[in-house]
Amino acid sequence: LWSWNHPNGSALVRMANIKDVLQQRRIDQRICNAITRSHPLRSDIYKSDLDKCLPNIQEIQAAHIKLKQLCVNEPFEETEEKWLSSLENTHWLEYIR
């Protein structure tokens, strides 16, 4: 999936993992070749596996639910003294940073 293209020719591409390792390598190579051919300077591609450093969709959804609960469930006066620590425990700010 081609996500974004910069005016200088740089591309941001998101690719899903395929369970068949051999097929994954072939698809990766075809996509990388297409990106290299489309770049004006034909420079090397930098690949990064963001699954290792970013939260998954379930973690983001859980953090969002916790944030909503924190913001709407109890009157603010009752939760004011622990609100910041409760906000921190949602991990929402960590994920959207």
C-alpha atoms as a PDB file:
ATOM      1  CA  LEU A   1       0.000   0.000   0.000  1.00  0.00           C
ATOM      2  CA  TRP A   2       1.561   3.267  -1.124  1.00  0.00           C
ATOM      3  CA  SER A   3       0.697   5.735   1.624  1.00  0.00           C
ATOM      4  CA  TRP A   4       2.443   8.987   0.819  1.00  0.00           C
ATOM      5  CA  ASN A   5       4.756  10.588  -1.723  1.00  0.00           C
ATOM      6  CA  HIS A   6       6.995  13.604  -1.042  1.00  0.00           C
ATOM      7  CA  PRO A   7       7.674  16.155  -3.812  1.00  0.00           C
ATOM      8  CA  ASN A   8      11.372  15.130  -3.741  1.00  0.00           C
ATOM      9  CA  GLY A   9      10.348  11.606  -4.778  1.00  0.00           C
ATOM     10  CA  SER A  10      10.556   9.911  -1.389  1.00  0.00           C
ATOM     11  CA  ALA A  11       7.786   7.428  -0.676  1.00  0.00           C
ATOM     12  CA  LEU A  12       6.229   6.183   2.530  1.00  0.00           C
ATOM     13  CA  VAL A  13       4.896   2.682   1.998  1.00  0.00           C
ATOM     14  CA  ARG A  14       3.077   0.400   4.411  1.00  0.00           C
ATOM     15  CA  MET A  15       3.184  -3.307   3.751  1.00  0.00           C
ATOM     16  CA  ALA A  16       1.404  -6.110   5.583  1.00  0.00           C
ATOM     17  CA  ASN A  17       3.204  -9.297   6.541  1.00  0.00           C
ATOM     18  CA  ILE A  18       2.313 -12.435   4.622  1.00  0.00           C
ATOM     19  CA  LYS A  19       2.563 -15.763   6.450  1.00  0.00           C
ATOM     20  CA  ASP A  20       4.295 -17.491   3.544  1.00  0.00           C
ATOM     21  CA  VAL A  21       7.906 -16.299   3.986  1.00  0.00           C
ATOM     22  CA  LEU A  22       8.956 -17.100   0.415  1.00  0.00           C
ATOM     23  CA  GLN A  23       5.993 -15.225  -1.042  1.00  0.00           C
ATOM     24  CA  GLN A  24       6.669 -12.320   1.366  1.00  0.00           C
ATOM     25  CA  ARG A  25      10.258 -12.018   0.077  1.00  0.00           C
ATOM     26  CA  ARG A  26       9.121 -12.021  -3.557  1.00  0.00           C
ATOM     27  CA  ILE A  27       6.480  -9.366  -2.920  1.00  0.00           C
ATOM     28  CA  ASP A  28       8.924  -7.249  -0.875  1.00  0.00           C
ATOM     29  CA  GLN A  29      11.456  -7.415  -3.712  1.00  0.00           C
ATOM     30  CA  ARG A  30       8.889  -6.456  -6.369  1.00  0.00           C
ATOM     31  CA  ILE A  31       7.651  -3.495  -4.315  1.00  0.00           C
ATOM     32  CA  CYS A  32      11.195  -2.327  -3.522  1.00  0.00           C
ATOM     33  CA  ASN A  33      12.143  -2.547  -7.203  1.00  0.00           C
ATOM     34  CA  ALA A  34       9.061  -0.528  -8.184  1.00  0.00           C
ATOM     35  CA  ILE A  35       9.849   2.136  -5.589  1.00  0.00           C
ATOM     36  CA  THR A  36      13.489   2.338  -6.696  1.00  0.00           C
ATOM     37  CA  ARG A  37      12.461   2.689 -10.357  1.00  0.00           C
ATOM     38  CA  SER A  38       9.974   5.438  -9.487  1.00  0.00           C
ATOM     39  CA  HIS A  39      12.419   7.531  -7.426  1.00  0.00           C
ATOM     40  CA  PRO A  40      14.185  10.266  -9.438  1.00  0.00           C
ATOM     41  CA  LEU A  41      17.579   9.606  -7.806  1.00  0.00           C
ATOM     42  CA  ARG A  42      17.132   5.828  -7.689  1.00  0.00           C
ATOM     43  CA  SER A  43      18.602   5.815  -4.201  1.00  0.00           C
ATOM     44  CA  ASP A  44      18.613   2.901  -1.775  1.00  0.00           C
ATOM     45  CA  ILE A  45      15.457   2.026   0.111  1.00  0.00           C
ATOM     46  CA  TYR A  46      15.347   2.270   3.887  1.00  0.00           C
ATOM     47  CA  LYS A  47      13.073  -0.356   5.421  1.00  0.00           C
ATOM     48  CA  SER A  48      11.931  -0.328   9.031  1.00  0.00           C
ATOM     49  CA  ASP A  49       9.730  -2.814  10.873  1.00  0.00           C
ATOM     50  CA  LEU A  50       7.492  -0.530  12.915  1.00  0.00           C
ATOM     51  CA  ASP A  51       5.645  -3.460  14.495  1.00  0.00           C
ATOM     52  CA  LYS A  52       8.591  -3.758  16.879  1.00  0.00           C
ATOM     53  CA  CYS A  53       8.447  -0.163  18.143  1.00  0.00           C
ATOM     54  CA  LEU A  54       4.801   0.925  17.795  1.00  0.00           C
ATOM     55  CA  PRO A  55       1.679  -0.282  19.600  1.00  0.00           C
ATOM     56  CA  ASN A  56      -0.730  -2.522  17.732  1.00  0.00           C
ATOM     57  CA  ILE A  57      -4.302  -1.512  16.929  1.00  0.00           C
ATOM     58  CA  GLN A  58      -5.722  -3.376  19.942  1.00  0.00           C
ATOM     59  CA  GLU A  59      -3.432  -1.456  22.322  1.00  0.00           C
ATOM     60  CA  ILE A  60      -4.452   1.861  20.762  1.00  0.00           C
ATOM     61  CA  GLN A  61      -8.142   0.956  20.983  1.00  0.00           C
ATOM     62  CA  ALA A  62      -7.784  -0.073  24.652  1.00  0.00           C
ATOM     63  CA  ALA A  63      -5.985   3.195  25.445  1.00  0.00           C
ATOM     64  CA  HIS A  64      -8.726   5.190  23.708  1.00  0.00           C
ATOM     65  CA  ILE A  65     -11.447   3.403  25.679  1.00  0.00           C
ATOM     66  CA  LYS A  66      -9.612   4.102  28.948  1.00  0.00           C
ATOM     67  CA  LEU A  67      -9.237   7.761  27.954  1.00  0.00           C
ATOM     68  CA  LYS A  68     -12.961   8.055  27.171  1.00  0.00           C
ATOM     69  CA  GLN A  69     -13.863   6.443  30.484  1.00  0.00           C
ATOM     70  CA  LEU A  70     -11.563   8.819  32.315  1.00  0.00           C
ATOM     71  CA  CYS A  71     -13.116  11.845  30.630  1.00  0.00           C
ATOM     72  CA  VAL A  72     -16.824  11.036  30.865  1.00  0.00           C
ATOM     73  CA  ASN A  73     -17.630   8.618  33.677  1.00  0.00           C
ATOM     74  CA  GLU A  74     -17.152  10.451  36.957  1.00  0.00           C
ATOM     75  CA  PRO A  75     -17.564  14.091  37.907  1.00  0.00           C
ATOM     76  CA  PHE A  76     -14.187  15.794  37.614  1.00  0.00           C
ATOM     77  CA  GLU A  77     -14.246  17.014  41.211  1.00  0.00           C
ATOM     78  CA  GLU A  78     -14.295  13.413  42.446  1.00  0.00           C
ATOM     79  CA  THR A  79     -11.322  12.328  40.342  1.00  0.00           C
ATOM     80  CA  GLU A  80      -9.228  15.500  40.151  1.00  0.00           C
ATOM     81  CA  GLU A  81      -6.483  14.404  42.542  1.00  0.00           C
ATOM     82  CA  LYS A  82      -5.747  11.184  40.630  1.00  0.00           C
ATOM     83  CA  TRP A  83      -6.672  12.406  37.139  1.00  0.00           C
ATOM     84  CA  LEU A  84      -3.141  12.929  35.799  1.00  0.00           C
ATOM     85  CA  SER A  85      -1.925   9.533  36.974  1.00  0.00           C
ATOM     86  CA  SER A  86      -5.076   7.949  35.550  1.00  0.00           C
ATOM     87  CA  LEU A  87      -4.437   9.724  32.249  1.00  0.00           C
ATOM     88  CA  GLU A  88      -0.863   8.454  32.229  1.00  0.00           C
ATOM     89  CA  ASN A  89      -2.081   4.901  32.881  1.00  0.00           C
ATOM     90  CA  THR A  90      -4.187   4.971  29.705  1.00  0.00           C
ATOM     91  CA  HIS A  91      -0.952   5.237  27.601  1.00  0.00           C
ATOM     92  CA  TRP A  92      -2.932   7.394  25.161  1.00  0.00           C
ATOM     93  CA  LEU A  93      -0.471  10.307  25.241  1.00  0.00           C
ATOM     94  CA  GLU A  94       2.419   7.898  24.744  1.00  0.00           C
ATOM     95  CA  TYR A  95       0.790   6.423  21.629  1.00  0.00           C
ATOM     96  CA  ILE A  96      -0.209   9.683  19.959  1.00  0.00           C
ATOM     97  CA  ARG A  97       3.126  11.394  20.519  1.00  0.00           C
END
